[in-house]
Amino acid sequence: LYLVPLAFLLPTSNAQAAVNCTAMMASVNLGDITLANADNESITATLKYDCRNTYLFSRDVSICLAVDGGDYNQTDVFPRYMKNTTPTPSLAFTMKLPNNTIWGSRNYTGGSEYKTVVNVPGGTTTSFNVPIQISLSSGYNNISATPGNYTNNFVGGSTAMSYDVGGLLGGNINCSNKSLQSNTFPFKVQATVIKDCKVTTASDVNLGSQPANEINIPGNSNIGVTCTKTTPYNIGLAPKTPNPIGNTNGGGFLNGTGGNTDKVPYQLRSAVGTNGKKWGNNGSTVGTLTNGVTGTGSGAEQLNNVYVTVPSADFKPDTYTDTVTIHVNY
C-alpha cells in the first residue's frame, strides 16, 4: 500500500485576498440662517462607505463609524456647536442617525457610533449610504448669534472607522472590538447667520368712546421688534390714510363707516403728549429714515411705545378706524 501525500493548495490570488473598507462624507452647509429658522433649519447629509472584497466568496462585514464634537469641543456631542471666530457666539446643532439617535463615538457619552453588518459579494466593491439628519437645535439661544459665518470642522481625529470581517463559514463579528482608525472621513458643518428683523408684537390702539367736546385725546400701544444681535434697525410707521395726502410724518385720518364722509385726524408719536416727537416713515433704509425709532438688535424682543393723539372728537357719531403699516428697515 502506497500512501500518497495530498497537498490542498489555495490559488495565490485568493490567499492574498482581503476586505478593505473606506468611508467619506461631504461637507454640509445649512445655508442662510434667520430668526425664522435659527432653531429648526435642517438638512439630510449622506455618510458613504465602500467595502472592496477580493475574496472569491461573499463576506459579512461589521462596520463602525464614529464622530466626536469636532474642533469646537471634542466632548460636546449633544448638542454640537458651530463657532464664528471664537467659541462665543455659537450655533447649536444635532447630528442624528436613521434611528433618530445622536450620532457619536464610543469614546464620549451622549451619542452612539453608527454600527451595522453588511454582506459584500466576492470580487466586488459595494457602496452603502447612511442618511444623517443635521438640524439646528431649539432651546440653545441660536437667535442670539451675531451675523457671520459659522463652522465646525470634523478633522484631526474627529472621525473614525473600524470594521471586522467574517470568515467563509460566518461566525461572530463585532467592529466594536476593533481599534478605531481615526480621521477617516473628515468633513465640516457650516451655516451663515444673516441680518434679520421681524415684528413680534403689534397691538391695536383703542381710543374708546369720546364725547364731541373732548380734545387732545390720547392713546397708546406698543410694537415689539426682534432683530439678530448687533443689527441696527429703524422702525417707520405709515398711516393708510395720510393727513394730508402724501404725508410721511405719521399723521393720518380715521375713517367712518358706510357713507360717512367725516375723517378724524390723528398723529402718531414716539413720546407721550401733544408735543411728543412725531413718528413717521420718511425713508426706506436705516440711513434715510430720520423720523422713525432706532435700535440695535439683541436677539430678543425689544418693545417700543407708540402714542396717538386726536385733536378733537367733534365729528358725526360713528366708529372710526385706520390701519398703520409698520416698516422695519435693517
Protein backbone atom coordinates (compact mmCIF):
# COMPACT_ATOMS: atom_id res chain seq x y z
CA LEU A 1 0.00 0.00 0.00
CA TYR A 2 1.46 3.27 -1.06
CA LEU A 3 0.37 6.44 0.74
CA VAL A 4 0.44 9.43 -1.50
CA PRO A 5 0.55 12.78 0.40
CA LEU A 6 -2.03 15.25 -0.79
CA ALA A 7 -1.48 18.99 -0.75
CA PHE A 8 -4.55 21.27 -0.59
CA LEU A 9 -3.47 24.48 -2.20
CA LEU A 10 -5.40 27.74 -2.39
CA PRO A 11 -4.95 29.84 -5.50
CA THR A 12 -2.38 32.51 -4.87
CA SER A 13 -4.85 35.34 -5.61
CA ASN A 14 -7.30 34.04 -3.00
CA ALA A 15 -4.59 33.51 -0.37
CA GLN A 16 -3.71 37.19 -0.63
CA ALA A 17 -7.32 38.36 -0.77
CA ALA A 18 -8.87 40.69 1.79
CA VAL A 19 -11.78 43.01 2.54
CA ASN A 20 -10.99 46.71 2.80
CA CYS A 21 -13.49 49.40 3.76
CA THR A 22 -13.29 53.18 3.49
CA ALA A 23 -15.73 55.99 4.35
CA MET A 24 -16.38 59.55 3.26
CA MET A 25 -18.80 62.38 3.97
CA ALA A 26 -19.12 65.64 2.07
CA SER A 27 -19.18 68.94 3.93
CA VAL A 28 -22.65 70.23 4.83
CA ASN A 29 -23.95 73.79 4.50
CA LEU A 30 -27.23 74.68 6.20
CA GLY A 31 -27.33 77.94 4.23
CA ASP A 32 -28.64 81.30 5.42
CA ILE A 33 -29.92 81.38 8.99
CA THR A 34 -32.56 83.93 10.01
CA LEU A 35 -34.73 84.43 13.08
CA ALA A 36 -37.33 82.17 11.49
CA ASN A 37 -35.12 79.10 11.05
CA ALA A 38 -32.44 79.58 13.73
CA ASP A 39 -33.98 76.82 15.84
CA ASN A 40 -35.19 74.41 13.20
CA GLU A 41 -33.19 74.55 9.95
CA SER A 42 -32.42 71.01 8.87
CA ILE A 43 -30.65 69.16 6.08
CA THR A 44 -30.01 65.50 5.28
CA ALA A 45 -26.38 64.63 4.63
CA THR A 46 -25.04 61.34 3.28
CA LEU A 47 -22.41 59.27 5.04
CA LYS A 48 -20.99 56.85 2.47
CA TYR A 49 -18.76 53.82 2.91
CA ASP A 50 -17.35 51.31 0.42
CA CYS A 51 -16.13 47.79 1.03
CA ARG A 52 -13.91 46.01 -1.50
CA ASN A 53 -13.98 42.24 -1.27
CA THR A 54 -11.22 40.49 -3.23
CA TYR A 55 -12.16 37.05 -1.92
CA LEU A 56 -13.94 34.65 -4.29
CA PHE A 57 -16.93 34.39 -1.97
CA SER A 58 -19.05 36.92 -0.10
CA ARG A 59 -18.16 38.07 3.40
CA ASP A 60 -20.16 39.64 6.21
CA VAL A 61 -18.57 42.84 7.50
CA SER A 62 -19.33 44.58 10.79
CA ILE A 63 -18.97 48.35 10.32
CA CYS A 64 -18.49 51.06 13.00
CA LEU A 65 -18.41 54.78 12.08
CA ALA A 66 -17.85 57.33 14.84
CA VAL A 67 -17.64 61.12 15.19
CA ASP A 68 -16.89 63.37 18.16
CA GLY A 69 -17.76 67.02 18.84
CA GLY A 70 -15.39 68.46 16.24
CA ASP A 71 -12.99 71.34 16.64
CA TYR A 72 -15.40 73.32 18.84
CA ASN A 73 -15.08 70.78 21.64
CA GLN A 74 -14.40 67.08 21.14
CA THR A 75 -16.56 66.06 24.08
CA ASP A 76 -19.68 68.05 23.07
CA VAL A 77 -21.82 65.68 21.03
CA PHE A 78 -25.28 66.74 22.27
CA PRO A 79 -25.63 69.34 21.11
CA ARG A 80 -22.67 70.13 18.93
CA TYR A 81 -21.76 73.72 18.12
CA MET A 82 -20.61 75.77 15.18
CA LYS A 83 -18.47 78.77 16.04
CA ASN A 84 -17.83 82.09 14.32
CA THR A 85 -14.35 83.47 15.04
CA THR A 86 -14.46 82.36 18.69
CA PRO A 87 -16.50 79.77 20.61
CA THR A 88 -18.91 82.58 21.58
CA PRO A 89 -21.31 83.21 19.96
CA SER A 90 -22.20 79.80 18.57
CA LEU A 91 -24.92 77.81 16.82
CA ALA A 92 -26.14 74.59 18.44
CA PHE A 93 -26.98 71.64 16.21
CA THR A 94 -27.54 67.90 16.28
CA MET A 95 -26.48 65.03 14.02
CA LYS A 96 -28.84 62.06 14.12
CA LEU A 97 -28.67 58.54 12.73
CA PRO A 98 -31.57 56.93 10.82
CA ASN A 99 -32.94 55.50 14.09
CA ASN A 100 -33.17 59.08 15.48
CA THR A 101 -30.34 58.61 17.99
CA ILE A 102 -27.47 61.09 18.28
CA TRP A 103 -24.54 60.10 16.11
CA GLY A 104 -21.48 59.98 18.32
CA SER A 105 -18.48 57.95 19.36
CA ARG A 106 -17.71 55.12 21.73
CA ASN A 107 -15.22 57.44 23.41
CA TYR A 108 -17.71 60.10 24.58
CA THR A 109 -21.12 59.95 26.24
CA GLY A 110 -24.21 61.50 24.71
CA GLY A 111 -24.29 59.64 21.41
CA SER A 112 -23.64 56.33 19.70
CA GLU A 113 -21.41 55.36 16.81
CA TYR A 114 -23.10 54.04 13.69
CA LYS A 115 -22.94 50.26 13.71
CA THR A 116 -24.22 47.71 11.21
CA VAL A 117 -23.41 44.41 9.47
CA VAL A 118 -23.38 44.25 5.67
CA ASN A 119 -22.73 41.47 3.17
CA VAL A 120 -20.19 42.14 0.44
CA PRO A 121 -20.24 39.76 -2.57
CA GLY A 122 -16.93 38.25 -3.62
CA GLY A 123 -14.89 40.11 -6.20
CA THR A 124 -16.90 43.35 -5.84
CA THR A 125 -16.73 46.81 -4.34
CA THR A 126 -20.07 47.60 -2.73
CA SER A 127 -21.19 51.06 -1.63
CA PHE A 128 -23.54 51.87 1.23
CA ASN A 129 -25.23 55.18 2.13
CA VAL A 130 -26.37 56.32 5.58
CA PRO A 131 -28.65 59.40 5.83
CA ILE A 132 -27.54 61.74 8.61
CA GLN A 133 -30.05 64.38 9.75
CA ILE A 134 -28.29 67.63 10.72
CA SER A 135 -30.54 70.19 12.43
CA LEU A 136 -30.17 73.43 14.36
CA SER A 137 -31.31 72.91 17.95
CA SER A 138 -34.03 74.82 19.77
CA GLY A 139 -33.52 75.90 23.35
CA TYR A 140 -29.90 77.00 22.95
CA ASN A 141 -30.42 80.68 22.08
CA ASN A 142 -29.37 80.39 18.44
CA ILE A 143 -31.27 83.62 17.67
CA SER A 144 -28.65 85.49 19.71
CA ALA A 145 -25.88 84.58 17.27
CA THR A 146 -24.37 87.60 15.53
CA PRO A 147 -24.37 87.72 11.71
CA GLY A 148 -21.42 85.89 10.18
CA ASN A 149 -20.12 82.52 9.04
CA TYR A 150 -20.22 79.58 11.45
CA THR A 151 -18.29 76.31 11.12
CA ASN A 152 -17.44 73.12 12.95
CA ASN A 153 -14.58 71.13 11.40
CA PHE A 154 -14.58 67.39 11.97
CA VAL A 155 -10.89 66.78 11.23
CA GLY A 156 -7.73 65.76 13.05
CA GLY A 157 -9.11 62.58 14.58
CA SER A 158 -12.74 63.70 14.97
CA THR A 159 -13.98 60.93 12.66
CA ALA A 160 -13.12 57.25 12.96
CA MET A 161 -13.93 53.87 11.43
CA SER A 162 -13.44 50.24 12.38
CA TYR A 163 -14.62 47.01 10.78
CA ASP A 164 -14.49 43.29 11.37
CA VAL A 165 -14.65 40.72 8.56
CA GLY A 166 -16.37 37.37 8.95
CA GLY A 167 -15.00 34.08 7.71
CA LEU A 168 -16.29 31.94 4.87
CA LEU A 169 -18.42 29.96 7.31
CA GLY A 170 -19.65 33.04 9.18
CA GLY A 171 -19.09 33.38 12.92
CA ASN A 172 -19.36 36.24 15.37
CA ILE A 173 -18.01 39.59 14.17
CA ASN A 174 -18.00 42.84 16.09
CA CYS A 175 -16.41 46.07 14.89
CA SER A 176 -16.64 47.44 18.46
CA ASN A 177 -13.82 45.09 19.38
CA LYS A 178 -11.55 46.61 16.73
CA SER A 179 -9.48 49.74 17.13
CA LEU A 180 -10.89 52.89 15.57
CA GLN A 181 -8.94 54.21 12.58
CA SER A 182 -9.06 57.98 13.15
CA ASN A 183 -9.67 60.85 10.72
CA THR A 184 -11.02 58.55 8.03
CA PHE A 185 -13.80 60.76 6.63
CA PRO A 186 -13.18 64.44 7.53
CA PHE A 187 -15.97 66.94 6.83
CA LYS A 188 -17.34 70.26 8.08
CA VAL A 189 -20.76 71.65 9.01
CA GLN A 190 -21.38 75.28 8.05
CA ALA A 191 -24.08 77.96 8.27
CA THR A 192 -24.30 81.70 7.69
CA VAL A 193 -26.27 83.91 10.08
CA ILE A 194 -27.62 86.92 8.17
CA LYS A 195 -29.07 90.20 9.41
CA ASP A 196 -32.77 89.80 10.05
CA CYS A 197 -35.64 91.54 11.85
CA LYS A 198 -39.29 90.75 12.40
CA VAL A 199 -42.26 92.39 14.09
CA THR A 200 -43.19 90.14 17.02
CA THR A 201 -45.82 92.31 18.78
CA ALA A 202 -48.30 94.81 17.33
CA SER A 203 -51.44 95.61 19.33
CA ASP A 204 -54.25 97.96 18.29
CA VAL A 205 -54.72 101.43 19.76
CA ASN A 206 -58.28 101.84 21.06
CA LEU A 207 -59.24 105.44 21.80
CA GLY A 208 -62.58 104.40 23.25
CA SER A 209 -65.88 106.30 23.11
CA GLN A 210 -65.45 110.06 23.41
CA PRO A 211 -67.89 112.97 23.80
CA ALA A 212 -67.98 115.50 20.97
CA ASN A 213 -66.36 118.22 23.09
CA GLU A 214 -63.29 116.12 24.00
CA ILE A 215 -59.92 117.44 22.76
CA ASN A 216 -56.37 116.11 22.63
CA ILE A 217 -57.49 112.52 23.07
CA PRO A 218 -54.52 110.24 23.91
CA GLY A 219 -53.95 106.60 23.13
CA ASN A 220 -51.00 104.23 23.25
CA SER A 221 -49.83 100.76 22.42
CA ASN A 222 -46.51 99.05 21.77
CA ILE A 223 -44.61 97.47 18.93
CA GLY A 224 -42.25 94.59 19.57
CA VAL A 225 -39.34 94.02 17.18
CA THR A 226 -36.79 91.19 17.29
CA CYS A 227 -33.55 91.55 15.33
CA THR A 228 -30.40 89.48 15.12
CA LYS A 229 -27.74 90.53 17.60
CA THR A 230 -25.81 93.74 16.73
CA THR A 231 -28.13 94.51 13.78
CA PRO A 232 -29.04 98.24 13.57
CA TYR A 233 -32.70 98.85 12.71
CA ASN A 234 -35.19 101.67 12.23
CA ILE A 235 -38.97 101.41 12.64
CA GLY A 236 -41.20 103.59 10.45
CA LEU A 237 -44.98 104.00 10.80
CA ALA A 238 -47.15 104.80 7.76
CA PRO A 239 -50.90 105.53 8.12
CA LYS A 240 -53.04 104.00 5.37
CA THR A 241 -54.89 107.32 5.03
CA PRO A 242 -52.20 110.02 5.31
CA ASN A 243 -53.07 113.51 6.54
CA PRO A 244 -52.56 115.31 4.25
CA ILE A 245 -52.23 113.02 1.20
CA GLY A 246 -48.55 112.16 0.69
CA ASN A 247 -47.61 113.00 4.29
CA THR A 248 -44.81 110.80 5.68
CA ASN A 249 -44.65 112.38 9.13
CA GLY A 250 -47.02 109.99 10.89
CA GLY A 251 -50.24 111.99 10.50
CA GLY A 252 -53.38 110.20 9.35
CA PHE A 253 -57.19 110.17 9.18
CA LEU A 254 -59.59 107.80 10.91
CA ASN A 255 -62.40 106.83 8.54
CA GLY A 256 -66.06 106.30 9.43
CA THR A 257 -68.37 103.57 8.19
CA GLY A 258 -70.83 103.41 5.30
CA GLY A 259 -71.41 106.74 3.61
CA ASN A 260 -69.94 108.83 6.43
CA THR A 261 -67.53 111.28 4.83
CA ASP A 262 -66.15 112.68 8.09
CA LYS A 263 -62.46 112.00 8.74
CA VAL A 264 -60.91 112.27 12.19
CA PRO A 265 -57.28 113.46 12.12
CA TYR A 266 -54.69 111.74 14.33
CA GLN A 267 -50.93 111.87 14.89
CA LEU A 268 -48.52 109.02 15.67
CA ARG A 269 -45.78 109.87 18.16
CA SER A 270 -42.82 108.19 19.84
CA ALA A 271 -43.24 110.18 23.05
CA VAL A 272 -46.30 110.93 25.14
CA GLY A 273 -48.33 114.15 24.79
CA THR A 274 -49.28 116.56 22.04
CA ASN A 275 -45.67 117.78 21.88
CA GLY A 276 -44.21 114.27 21.65
CA LYS A 277 -41.91 113.58 18.71
CA LYS A 278 -43.84 112.66 15.57
CA TRP A 279 -43.29 109.09 14.38
CA GLY A 280 -43.38 108.73 10.61
CA ASN A 281 -41.85 106.93 7.67
CA ASN A 282 -39.84 109.35 5.53
CA GLY A 283 -37.26 106.80 4.30
CA SER A 284 -36.83 103.19 3.31
CA THR A 285 -33.43 102.39 4.85
CA VAL A 286 -31.73 102.77 8.21
CA GLY A 287 -29.83 105.78 6.89
CA THR A 288 -32.67 107.61 5.12
CA LEU A 289 -35.49 107.18 7.65
CA THR A 290 -34.96 110.06 10.04
CA ASN A 291 -38.32 110.34 11.80
CA GLY A 292 -38.60 106.74 12.97
CA VAL A 293 -37.42 104.90 16.09
CA THR A 294 -33.97 103.32 16.01
CA GLY A 295 -32.44 100.41 17.87
CA THR A 296 -29.84 97.65 17.79
CA GLY A 297 -30.87 94.01 17.82
CA SER A 298 -30.08 91.75 20.75
CA GLY A 299 -31.71 88.54 19.54
CA ALA A 300 -34.58 89.19 21.98
CA GLU A 301 -37.79 91.15 21.53
CA GLN A 302 -37.49 94.90 22.12
CA LEU A 303 -40.67 96.86 22.88
CA ASN A 304 -41.28 100.39 21.60
CA ASN A 305 -44.20 102.50 22.84
CA VAL A 306 -46.32 104.23 20.21
CA TYR A 307 -48.58 107.12 21.20
CA VAL A 308 -51.56 108.57 19.34
CA THR A 309 -53.15 112.00 19.78
CA VAL A 310 -56.51 113.07 18.32
CA PRO A 311 -57.09 116.87 18.44
CA SER A 312 -60.89 116.71 18.58
CA ALA A 313 -63.89 114.35 18.74
CA ASP A 314 -66.36 116.85 17.22
CA PHE A 315 -67.46 114.58 14.36
CA LYS A 316 -70.51 112.60 13.37
CA PRO A 317 -71.10 109.73 15.86
CA ASP A 318 -69.61 106.60 14.32
CA THR A 319 -66.80 104.09 14.67
CA TYR A 320 -63.63 105.43 13.09
CA THR A 321 -60.58 103.37 12.15
CA ASP A 322 -57.39 103.43 10.13
CA THR A 323 -54.58 100.94 9.53
CA VAL A 324 -50.93 101.71 10.19
CA THR A 325 -48.19 99.79 8.38
CA ILE A 326 -45.04 99.04 10.35
CA HIS A 327 -41.84 99.23 8.32
CA VAL A 328 -38.68 97.76 9.87
CA ASN A 329 -35.53 98.73 7.97
CA TYR A 330 -32.23 97.00 8.79
